[in-house]
Amino acid sequence: MNRKHFEKPEVNSVFFKGEIIEWKFREKITITHGKYAVRFSVTFADGSTVSKEIGGFSTKAAAKISKESIITQLYNHEFVFFNVSVKEFLDFWLYYYMVDEKKISYNTFMSYRNVIYSYIIPQIGEKKLTKVHRDTLLEILSSFPTPSLLRLGYSVIGSSFRYAKSQNLIQHNFAISAIKTKRALVNKEQQNLKAAGSSQSVNFFNNRNALTAEKLCAFLYIAKTETPDFYLAALLACSCGCRVSELIALTFLDVNYQHQEIVIHKQLGRPVDDNDIEDGMLYKQELHTKSRAGERKVPIPDFVFAELVLARKRYDDYEVATENFYDGKFIWHQSNGMPHGRGDYKVPFQYIKNKLGIPDDFHWHDLRHSYSTVMRQGGLNPKRLAEILGHQSDKTTTSTYIDNSQIIAEILPAYSSFLEDVIPLTFTDGSLKLKDEYTTQIIDCELNSFFADVFPDDFPG
């Protein structure tokens, strides 16, 4: 496989000096060019010492006040010593922090790079980072032509400026107020469009589709009965809300059998720096989750738990009987034990869509939206739902992942007909029961109660 060699741009060396650990001021205020100035030196974590002069004060008293302010900022780790450009900072943030330290996936890297080099740097790349204010960032946010790009803009600007503040590269993080203001403007615009009866307001935030609860049941039924190798993948997507990159990384070791939950702490995908990866494994490298919030524990319903127990038994039996089997203990695995790739769901997924008449523009990620819609309309607290989905804020969940146009039936009379043949489940007197050794647990056919059984502390009533 021919790959383009990954190269990082050279960046300003000041980013590698680390934090300020010591400082020393000249006792007397200095007179220079007829004005008063404060002179001092600081020592960084890498051991280097740099001198600095801040001048232009018309009186000695003003210089003394500035000196005291600088000392206070140094004590509070708020003093901005180096004044770098936006481009210098974003090059470092993307290639040396997000890639090297955060280890973002290749797809995330490409998305962020597009936002930075197409929308931010052309507008303010040469501007000093300390000169970027709220209105500057608002102009950039207003330049994104689509809702999806705007959401990426929120992520890039919000994350990068938060990091800049933590590294004392800016004194005030104006990204917080800029993003908040932009969200408010968009909400107001949507409300105005809705009041005017415009159809444009329907999908501005929710540019994803969501299946009804009934359709989700039908989806799982077809997966179980007609595409059994795909069933566990579909089941976990519909009952845990995990991303496809997280799904293919799940192993039986990630199942907490005592607490009946799945621990999501990684994903599989293509890393940014792929220079030393062997062919065939490029898209199956273990990576961190999309964000820190992506590391989470997701409670699972009883029948999902039962399916995982049975799948583990089948896995152990198959492993013993198969030569050259790769024992990675992946829940959704190929016949040789290797994990599936991101695109391996496409054929069975399209088959089920065709079978159920689901529109072509319904994508795999929309199962995640369907899950969140059912959960939220079932009454699950938005903050708790955000934690389960791995979002840093419930604003992302409610504005992007909830389809408020969906009507979830309170009771699904067709529920049993959809799943009556699904093993290890059986229906008796209108109730869904687990067969054989699982008969002690009963799951109500009402889907909202089904989720409430998993999250009893989070559903009202």
Protein backbone atom coordinates (compact mmCIF):
# COMPACT_ATOMS: atom_id res chain seq x y z
CA MET A 1 0.00 0.00 0.00
CA ASN A 2 1.38 3.40 -1.00
CA ARG A 3 0.90 5.99 1.71
CA LYS A 4 1.90 9.60 1.88
CA HIS A 5 4.52 10.06 4.57
CA PHE A 6 3.06 11.92 7.52
CA GLU A 7 4.96 15.10 8.34
CA LYS A 8 4.36 17.65 11.05
CA PRO A 9 5.04 21.34 10.43
CA GLU A 10 7.85 23.02 12.30
CA VAL A 11 6.50 25.12 15.12
CA ASN A 12 7.77 27.83 17.43
CA SER A 13 10.06 26.34 20.08
CA VAL A 14 8.41 28.37 22.85
CA PHE A 15 5.57 25.82 22.97
CA PHE A 16 7.95 23.21 24.37
CA LYS A 17 9.38 25.26 27.23
CA GLY A 18 6.69 24.24 29.69
CA GLU A 19 5.32 26.27 32.55
CA ILE A 20 7.06 29.10 34.38
CA ILE A 21 8.60 27.75 37.58
CA GLU A 22 10.67 30.74 38.81
CA TRP A 23 10.93 34.48 38.22
CA LYS A 24 13.18 37.31 39.29
CA PHE A 25 12.51 41.07 39.05
CA ARG A 26 14.98 43.93 39.02
CA GLU A 27 14.39 45.78 42.27
CA LYS A 28 14.33 49.26 40.77
CA ILE A 29 12.03 50.52 38.05
CA THR A 30 14.06 51.14 34.87
CA ILE A 31 14.05 54.34 32.83
CA THR A 32 14.28 53.74 29.09
CA HIS A 33 13.71 56.23 26.27
CA GLY A 34 12.24 58.70 28.73
CA LYS A 35 9.64 56.21 29.98
CA TYR A 36 9.50 53.79 32.87
CA ALA A 37 9.76 50.00 32.43
CA VAL A 38 9.63 46.77 34.43
CA ARG A 39 12.43 44.27 33.78
CA PHE A 40 12.41 40.65 34.93
CA SER A 41 13.38 37.13 33.93
CA VAL A 42 11.55 33.82 34.18
CA THR A 43 12.72 30.22 34.23
CA PHE A 44 10.70 27.56 32.43
CA ALA A 45 10.23 23.87 33.17
CA ASP A 46 12.81 22.95 30.51
CA GLY A 47 15.45 24.90 32.47
CA SER A 48 15.75 27.84 30.07
CA THR A 49 15.66 31.42 31.33
CA VAL A 50 14.27 34.32 29.28
CA SER A 51 14.36 38.04 30.10
CA LYS A 52 11.51 40.43 29.42
CA GLU A 53 10.85 44.16 29.60
CA ILE A 54 7.42 45.75 29.82
CA GLY A 55 7.65 49.51 29.42
CA GLY A 56 6.07 52.66 28.09
CA PHE A 57 4.79 53.87 31.47
CA SER A 58 4.67 57.64 31.90
CA THR A 59 5.17 57.54 35.67
CA LYS A 60 7.12 55.41 38.10
CA ALA A 61 3.93 54.78 40.09
CA ALA A 62 2.22 53.28 37.04
CA ALA A 63 5.21 51.00 36.44
CA LYS A 64 5.13 49.83 40.08
CA ILE A 65 1.41 49.00 39.79
CA SER A 66 2.13 47.01 36.64
CA LYS A 67 4.95 45.16 38.40
CA GLU A 68 2.65 44.11 41.26
CA SER A 69 0.03 42.98 38.72
CA ILE A 70 2.60 40.87 36.84
CA ILE A 71 3.77 39.21 40.06
CA THR A 72 0.17 38.39 40.99
CA GLN A 73 -0.44 36.88 37.54
CA LEU A 74 2.73 34.80 37.86
CA TYR A 75 1.67 33.46 41.23
CA ASN A 76 -1.77 32.59 39.80
CA HIS A 77 -0.28 31.01 36.65
CA GLU A 78 -2.07 33.59 34.49
CA PHE A 79 0.82 35.59 33.01
CA VAL A 80 1.16 35.44 29.21
CA PHE A 81 4.89 35.53 28.47
CA PHE A 82 4.98 34.72 24.74
CA ASN A 83 2.76 36.43 22.18
CA VAL A 84 2.33 33.90 19.35
CA SER A 85 0.21 34.11 16.22
CA VAL A 86 -3.01 32.17 15.74
CA LYS A 87 -1.41 30.05 13.00
CA GLU A 88 1.61 29.22 15.15
CA PHE A 89 -0.63 28.15 17.98
CA LEU A 90 -3.10 26.10 15.90
CA ASP A 91 -0.26 24.25 14.15
CA PHE A 92 1.10 23.26 17.53
CA TRP A 93 -2.32 22.48 19.01
CA LEU A 94 -3.37 20.23 16.12
CA TYR A 95 -0.14 18.36 15.32
CA TYR A 96 1.66 18.23 18.67
CA TYR A 97 -1.14 18.27 21.23
CA MET A 98 -4.19 16.70 19.56
CA VAL A 99 -2.18 14.16 17.54
CA ASP A 100 0.72 13.37 19.90
CA GLU A 101 -0.97 13.70 23.28
CA LYS A 102 -4.70 13.29 22.70
CA LYS A 103 -4.11 10.77 19.88
CA ILE A 104 -7.16 11.76 17.88
CA SER A 105 -8.31 9.55 15.04
CA TYR A 106 -7.47 10.19 11.43
CA ASN A 107 -11.04 11.25 10.61
CA THR A 108 -11.11 13.73 13.47
CA PHE A 109 -7.72 15.08 12.41
CA MET A 110 -8.87 15.62 8.84
CA SER A 111 -12.07 17.35 9.97
CA TYR A 112 -10.21 19.64 12.35
CA ARG A 113 -7.54 20.41 9.77
CA ASN A 114 -10.19 21.40 7.26
CA VAL A 115 -11.78 23.82 9.72
CA ILE A 116 -8.43 25.33 10.71
CA TYR A 117 -6.91 25.78 7.25
CA SER A 118 -10.09 26.63 5.36
CA TYR A 119 -11.89 28.91 7.78
CA ILE A 120 -9.74 30.10 10.69
CA ILE A 121 -6.20 30.69 9.39
CA PRO A 122 -7.30 32.50 6.20
CA GLN A 123 -9.13 35.03 8.36
CA ILE A 124 -6.95 35.49 11.44
CA GLY A 125 -3.88 33.29 10.98
CA GLU A 126 -1.41 36.18 11.26
CA LYS A 127 -3.23 37.82 14.15
CA LYS A 128 -1.65 37.55 17.59
CA LEU A 129 -3.49 35.07 19.78
CA THR A 130 -3.76 37.61 22.59
CA LYS A 131 -5.56 40.02 20.23
CA VAL A 132 -8.37 37.58 19.43
CA HIS A 133 -11.57 38.63 21.17
CA ARG A 134 -15.18 37.51 21.24
CA ASP A 135 -16.24 39.44 18.15
CA THR A 136 -13.28 38.03 16.20
CA LEU A 137 -14.40 34.49 16.96
CA LEU A 138 -18.05 35.32 16.28
CA GLU A 139 -17.11 36.41 12.75
CA ILE A 140 -15.37 33.09 12.17
CA LEU A 141 -18.30 31.09 13.55
CA SER A 142 -20.64 33.03 11.29
CA SER A 143 -18.54 32.10 8.25
CA PHE A 144 -19.31 28.38 8.43
CA PRO A 145 -21.78 27.60 5.64
CA THR A 146 -23.42 24.46 7.08
CA PRO A 147 -24.62 23.27 10.51
CA SER A 148 -22.16 20.36 10.50
CA LEU A 149 -19.21 22.69 9.86
CA LEU A 150 -20.48 25.04 12.55
CA ARG A 151 -20.50 22.18 15.06
CA LEU A 152 -16.92 21.36 14.09
CA GLY A 153 -16.11 25.04 14.52
CA TYR A 154 -17.49 24.91 18.05
CA SER A 155 -15.27 21.91 18.79
CA VAL A 156 -12.06 23.31 17.31
CA ILE A 157 -12.39 26.84 18.69
CA GLY A 158 -13.73 25.71 22.05
CA SER A 159 -11.08 23.04 22.61
CA SER A 160 -8.10 24.98 21.25
CA PHE A 161 -8.78 28.15 23.22
CA ARG A 162 -9.42 26.16 26.37
CA TYR A 163 -5.99 24.59 25.89
CA ALA A 164 -4.44 28.01 25.15
CA LYS A 165 -5.79 29.29 28.46
CA SER A 166 -4.42 26.26 30.33
CA GLN A 167 -0.96 26.92 28.85
CA ASN A 168 -1.01 30.65 29.70
CA LEU A 169 -0.99 31.66 26.04
CA ILE A 170 -4.05 33.86 26.55
CA GLN A 171 -5.30 35.65 29.63
CA HIS A 172 -9.00 35.46 28.84
CA ASN A 173 -10.81 32.67 27.00
CA PHE A 174 -13.21 34.60 24.77
CA ALA A 175 -14.22 31.41 22.96
CA ILE A 176 -16.66 30.59 25.77
CA SER A 177 -18.73 33.75 25.30
CA ALA A 178 -18.39 33.64 21.50
CA ILE A 179 -19.79 30.11 21.26
CA LYS A 180 -22.53 30.87 23.75
CA THR A 181 -23.54 33.98 21.80
CA LYS A 182 -23.52 32.13 18.47
CA ARG A 183 -25.66 29.33 19.84
CA ALA A 184 -28.16 31.89 21.13
CA LEU A 185 -28.26 33.63 17.73
CA VAL A 186 -28.86 30.33 15.96
CA ASN A 187 -31.60 29.39 18.41
CA LYS A 188 -33.29 32.74 17.87
CA GLU A 189 -33.05 32.35 14.11
CA GLN A 190 -34.61 28.92 14.36
CA GLN A 191 -37.42 30.20 16.54
CA ASN A 192 -38.13 33.00 14.05
CA LEU A 193 -38.18 30.55 11.15
CA LYS A 194 -40.48 28.24 13.07
CA ALA A 195 -42.82 31.09 13.95
CA ALA A 196 -42.92 32.07 10.28
CA GLY A 197 -43.80 28.52 9.32
CA SER A 198 -40.57 27.92 7.46
CA SER A 199 -39.50 24.31 6.87
CA GLN A 200 -35.86 25.38 7.12
CA SER A 201 -35.99 25.23 10.88
CA VAL A 202 -36.84 21.53 11.08
CA ASN A 203 -33.45 20.01 10.39
CA PHE A 204 -30.98 22.81 11.14
CA PHE A 205 -29.78 21.12 14.29
CA ASN A 206 -31.14 17.65 13.73
CA ASN A 207 -29.67 16.87 10.35
CA ARG A 208 -29.79 13.21 11.36
CA ASN A 209 -32.76 10.90 11.21
CA ALA A 210 -34.18 8.79 14.00
CA LEU A 211 -36.22 5.61 13.88
CA THR A 212 -39.32 5.18 15.98
CA ALA A 213 -39.20 2.66 18.79
CA GLU A 214 -41.33 0.30 16.73
CA LYS A 215 -38.96 0.54 13.78
CA LEU A 216 -35.98 -0.12 16.04
CA CYS A 217 -37.61 -3.34 17.19
CA ALA A 218 -38.22 -4.39 13.61
CA PHE A 219 -34.63 -3.54 12.75
CA LEU A 220 -33.33 -5.82 15.50
CA TYR A 221 -35.71 -8.59 14.56
CA ILE A 222 -34.49 -8.68 10.96
CA ALA A 223 -30.88 -8.52 12.12
CA LYS A 224 -31.39 -11.46 14.47
CA THR A 225 -33.30 -13.70 12.11
CA GLU A 226 -31.74 -12.88 8.72
CA THR A 227 -28.24 -11.46 9.37
CA PRO A 228 -27.17 -13.26 12.58
CA ASP A 229 -23.47 -12.42 12.24
CA PHE A 230 -24.45 -8.75 12.27
CA TYR A 231 -26.97 -9.02 15.10
CA LEU A 232 -24.69 -8.24 18.06
CA ALA A 233 -23.36 -5.15 16.31
CA ALA A 234 -26.89 -3.91 15.64
CA LEU A 235 -28.04 -4.78 19.15
CA LEU A 236 -25.20 -2.89 20.83
CA ALA A 237 -25.69 0.13 18.57
CA CYS A 238 -29.41 0.27 19.42
CA SER A 239 -29.10 -0.46 23.14
CA CYS A 240 -25.86 1.31 24.09
CA GLY A 241 -25.67 4.22 21.67
CA CYS A 242 -22.01 3.57 20.91
CA ARG A 243 -20.24 4.90 17.84
CA VAL A 244 -19.20 2.43 15.14
CA SER A 245 -15.51 3.00 15.96
CA GLU A 246 -16.28 2.18 19.61
CA LEU A 247 -18.42 -0.80 18.65
CA ILE A 248 -15.72 -2.58 16.65
CA ALA A 249 -13.29 -2.09 19.56
CA LEU A 250 -15.53 -3.71 22.19
CA THR A 251 -14.31 -6.98 23.64
CA PHE A 252 -15.83 -9.40 26.10
CA LEU A 253 -13.29 -8.07 28.60
CA ASP A 254 -15.13 -4.73 28.44
CA VAL A 255 -18.29 -6.31 29.83
CA ASN A 256 -18.70 -5.90 33.57
CA TYR A 257 -20.77 -8.99 34.35
CA GLN A 258 -21.20 -8.10 38.01
CA HIS A 259 -22.71 -4.67 37.38
CA GLN A 260 -24.29 -5.55 34.02
CA GLU A 261 -22.66 -2.75 32.06
CA ILE A 262 -20.26 -2.19 29.17
CA VAL A 263 -17.13 -0.11 29.70
CA ILE A 264 -16.29 2.00 26.65
CA HIS A 265 -12.71 3.26 26.81
CA LYS A 266 -11.27 2.96 23.30
CA GLN A 267 -12.03 2.89 19.61
CA LEU A 268 -10.48 1.33 16.53
CA GLY A 269 -9.50 3.41 13.56
CA ARG A 270 -6.75 4.95 11.51
CA PRO A 271 -4.18 6.97 13.45
CA VAL A 272 -2.85 10.20 12.01
CA ASP A 273 0.76 9.01 11.94
CA ASP A 274 0.56 5.70 10.06
CA ASN A 275 4.18 5.40 8.92
CA ASP A 276 5.02 2.18 10.79
CA ILE A 277 1.73 0.27 10.49
CA GLU A 278 1.62 -2.97 8.54
CA ASP A 279 -0.76 -3.38 5.62
CA GLY A 280 -4.21 -4.61 6.51
CA MET A 281 -4.11 -3.07 9.99
CA LEU A 282 -4.25 0.61 9.07
CA TYR A 283 -7.86 1.11 10.14
CA LYS A 284 -7.75 -1.26 13.12
CA GLN A 285 -5.41 0.56 15.46
CA GLU A 286 -6.48 1.05 19.07
CA LEU A 287 -7.10 4.74 19.77
CA HIS A 288 -8.41 6.86 22.60
CA THR A 289 -12.12 7.64 22.59
CA LYS A 290 -13.25 10.73 20.70
CA SER A 291 -13.00 12.81 23.88
CA ARG A 292 -12.37 12.29 27.58
CA ALA A 293 -16.13 12.15 28.08
CA GLY A 294 -16.16 9.22 25.65
CA GLU A 295 -14.72 6.98 28.36
CA ARG A 296 -17.86 5.80 30.08
CA LYS A 297 -19.86 2.95 31.57
CA VAL A 298 -23.15 2.09 29.88
CA PRO A 299 -25.75 -0.03 31.71
CA ILE A 300 -27.26 -2.68 29.44
CA PRO A 301 -30.76 -4.21 29.43
CA ASP A 302 -31.30 -7.73 30.70
CA PHE A 303 -31.84 -9.35 27.31
CA VAL A 304 -28.76 -7.63 25.88
CA PHE A 305 -26.76 -8.91 28.81
CA ALA A 306 -28.14 -12.40 28.18
CA GLU A 307 -27.17 -12.20 24.52
CA LEU A 308 -23.61 -11.24 25.48
CA VAL A 309 -23.35 -14.15 27.89
CA LEU A 310 -24.45 -16.58 25.17
CA ALA A 311 -22.16 -14.91 22.63
CA ARG A 312 -19.19 -15.36 24.97
CA LYS A 313 -19.99 -19.07 25.27
CA ARG A 314 -20.18 -19.40 21.48
CA TYR A 315 -16.92 -17.45 21.16
CA ASP A 316 -15.04 -19.76 23.57
CA ASP A 317 -16.33 -22.87 21.78
CA TYR A 318 -15.45 -21.47 18.36
CA GLU A 319 -11.98 -20.41 19.49
CA VAL A 320 -11.16 -23.91 20.66
CA ALA A 321 -12.35 -25.48 17.42
CA THR A 322 -10.68 -23.03 15.00
CA GLU A 323 -7.04 -23.11 13.97
CA ASN A 324 -5.01 -19.89 13.83
CA PHE A 325 -7.80 -18.05 15.61
CA TYR A 326 -6.90 -14.52 16.77
CA ASP A 327 -8.00 -14.40 20.37
CA GLY A 328 -8.64 -10.68 20.76
CA LYS A 329 -12.01 -11.45 22.38
CA PHE A 330 -13.76 -8.95 20.13
CA ILE A 331 -17.53 -9.10 20.55
CA TRP A 332 -18.18 -8.45 16.87
CA HIS A 333 -15.44 -10.36 15.13
CA GLN A 334 -14.58 -11.96 11.81
CA SER A 335 -14.38 -15.73 11.36
CA ASN A 336 -10.65 -15.65 12.19
CA GLY A 337 -11.21 -13.65 15.38
CA MET A 338 -9.91 -10.36 13.97
CA PRO A 339 -12.02 -7.25 14.61
CA HIS A 340 -14.30 -5.93 11.93
CA GLY A 341 -13.52 -2.70 10.12
CA ARG A 342 -15.61 0.47 10.18
CA GLY A 343 -17.26 -0.35 6.85
CA ASP A 344 -18.14 -3.99 7.47
CA TYR A 345 -21.66 -3.09 8.61
CA LYS A 346 -22.65 -1.60 5.24
CA VAL A 347 -23.93 -4.70 3.40
CA PRO A 348 -26.18 -6.11 6.18
CA PHE A 349 -27.22 -2.59 7.20
CA GLN A 350 -28.35 -1.78 3.66
CA TYR A 351 -30.13 -5.13 3.44
CA ILE A 352 -32.18 -4.38 6.56
CA LYS A 353 -32.92 -0.85 5.38
CA ASN A 354 -34.26 -2.19 2.10
CA LYS A 355 -36.28 -4.83 3.90
CA LEU A 356 -37.96 -2.27 6.16
CA GLY A 357 -38.23 0.53 3.61
CA ILE A 358 -35.89 2.81 5.60
CA PRO A 359 -34.81 5.84 3.50
CA ASP A 360 -31.38 5.84 1.86
CA ASP A 361 -30.30 8.91 3.80
CA PHE A 362 -30.58 7.01 7.08
CA HIS A 363 -27.00 6.32 8.13
CA TRP A 364 -25.42 3.99 10.68
CA HIS A 365 -24.74 6.90 13.02
CA ASP A 366 -28.48 7.60 12.99
CA LEU A 367 -28.96 4.49 15.15
CA ARG A 368 -27.16 6.49 17.84
CA HIS A 369 -29.62 9.32 17.28
CA SER A 370 -32.51 6.88 17.41
CA TYR A 371 -31.23 5.50 20.70
CA SER A 372 -30.91 8.97 22.23
CA THR A 373 -34.36 9.99 20.97
CA VAL A 374 -36.05 6.96 22.48
CA MET A 375 -34.18 7.40 25.74
CA ARG A 376 -34.96 11.09 26.04
CA GLN A 377 -38.63 10.75 25.12
CA GLY A 378 -38.80 7.93 27.61
CA GLY A 379 -37.93 10.51 30.25
CA LEU A 380 -34.19 10.01 30.78
CA ASN A 381 -32.49 13.07 32.24
CA PRO A 382 -30.54 14.99 29.51
CA LYS A 383 -27.40 15.18 31.65
CA ARG A 384 -27.43 11.43 32.28
CA LEU A 385 -28.08 10.76 28.60
CA ALA A 386 -25.10 12.95 27.67
CA GLU A 387 -22.90 10.88 29.99
CA ILE A 388 -24.09 7.64 28.39
CA LEU A 389 -23.47 8.94 24.88
CA GLY A 390 -20.04 10.27 25.83
CA HIS A 391 -20.81 13.97 25.32
CA GLN A 392 -19.04 16.64 27.33
CA SER A 393 -22.24 18.69 27.55
CA ASP A 394 -25.94 17.88 27.43
CA LYS A 395 -26.32 20.83 25.03
CA THR A 396 -24.78 18.69 22.30
CA THR A 397 -27.17 15.87 23.12
CA THR A 398 -30.36 17.93 23.13
CA SER A 399 -29.49 20.17 20.16
CA THR A 400 -28.01 17.54 17.85
CA TYR A 401 -29.05 14.05 18.91
CA ILE A 402 -32.70 14.39 19.86
CA ASP A 403 -35.29 14.26 17.10
CA ASN A 404 -38.20 16.11 18.67
CA SER A 405 -40.45 15.25 15.75
CA GLN A 406 -40.46 11.57 16.65
CA ILE A 407 -43.50 10.13 18.35
CA ILE A 408 -42.65 7.16 20.52
CA ALA A 409 -45.67 4.97 21.21
CA GLU A 410 -46.31 4.52 24.90
CA ILE A 411 -47.22 0.89 24.38
CA LEU A 412 -46.08 -1.08 21.34
CA PRO A 413 -48.63 -3.79 20.49
CA ALA A 414 -46.39 -5.05 17.69
CA TYR A 415 -43.36 -5.37 19.96
CA SER A 416 -43.93 -9.05 20.66
CA SER A 417 -44.53 -9.92 17.01
CA PHE A 418 -41.27 -8.29 16.07
CA LEU A 419 -39.18 -10.19 18.61
CA GLU A 420 -41.06 -13.40 19.41
CA ASP A 421 -38.50 -15.57 17.63
CA VAL A 422 -35.46 -13.83 19.07
CA ILE A 423 -33.41 -16.17 21.23
CA PRO A 424 -33.10 -16.22 24.23
CA LEU A 425 -36.37 -14.29 24.48
CA THR A 426 -39.91 -15.59 24.62
CA PHE A 427 -43.29 -13.93 25.08
CA THR A 428 -45.84 -15.09 27.60
CA ASP A 429 -49.06 -13.27 28.40
CA GLY A 430 -47.82 -10.11 26.74
CA SER A 431 -44.56 -9.99 28.65
CA LEU A 432 -41.06 -10.49 27.35
CA LYS A 433 -39.19 -13.18 29.28
CA LEU A 434 -35.71 -14.59 29.10
CA LYS A 435 -35.62 -18.30 28.35
CA ASP A 436 -34.05 -21.12 30.35
CA GLU A 437 -31.64 -19.93 33.02
CA TYR A 438 -32.73 -16.33 32.48
CA THR A 439 -36.41 -16.83 33.35
CA THR A 440 -36.09 -14.95 36.63
CA GLN A 441 -35.99 -11.63 34.81
CA ILE A 442 -39.01 -10.13 33.04
CA ILE A 443 -38.89 -7.14 30.74
CA ASP A 444 -42.06 -5.17 30.12
CA CYS A 445 -43.13 -4.84 26.48
CA GLU A 446 -43.51 -1.11 26.90
CA LEU A 447 -40.27 0.28 25.53
CA ASN A 448 -40.12 3.22 27.92
CA SER A 449 -40.43 0.86 30.87
CA PHE A 450 -37.78 -1.29 29.26
CA PHE A 451 -35.31 1.61 29.43
CA ALA A 452 -36.55 2.66 32.86
CA ASP A 453 -35.63 -0.83 34.08
CA VAL A 454 -32.04 -0.12 33.08
CA PHE A 455 -31.93 3.40 34.55
CA PRO A 456 -34.34 3.30 37.52
CA ASP A 457 -32.78 6.29 39.24
CA ASP A 458 -32.88 8.52 36.19
CA PHE A 459 -36.45 8.13 34.93
CA PRO A 460 -39.21 10.10 36.67
CA GLY A 461 -41.99 8.16 38.35
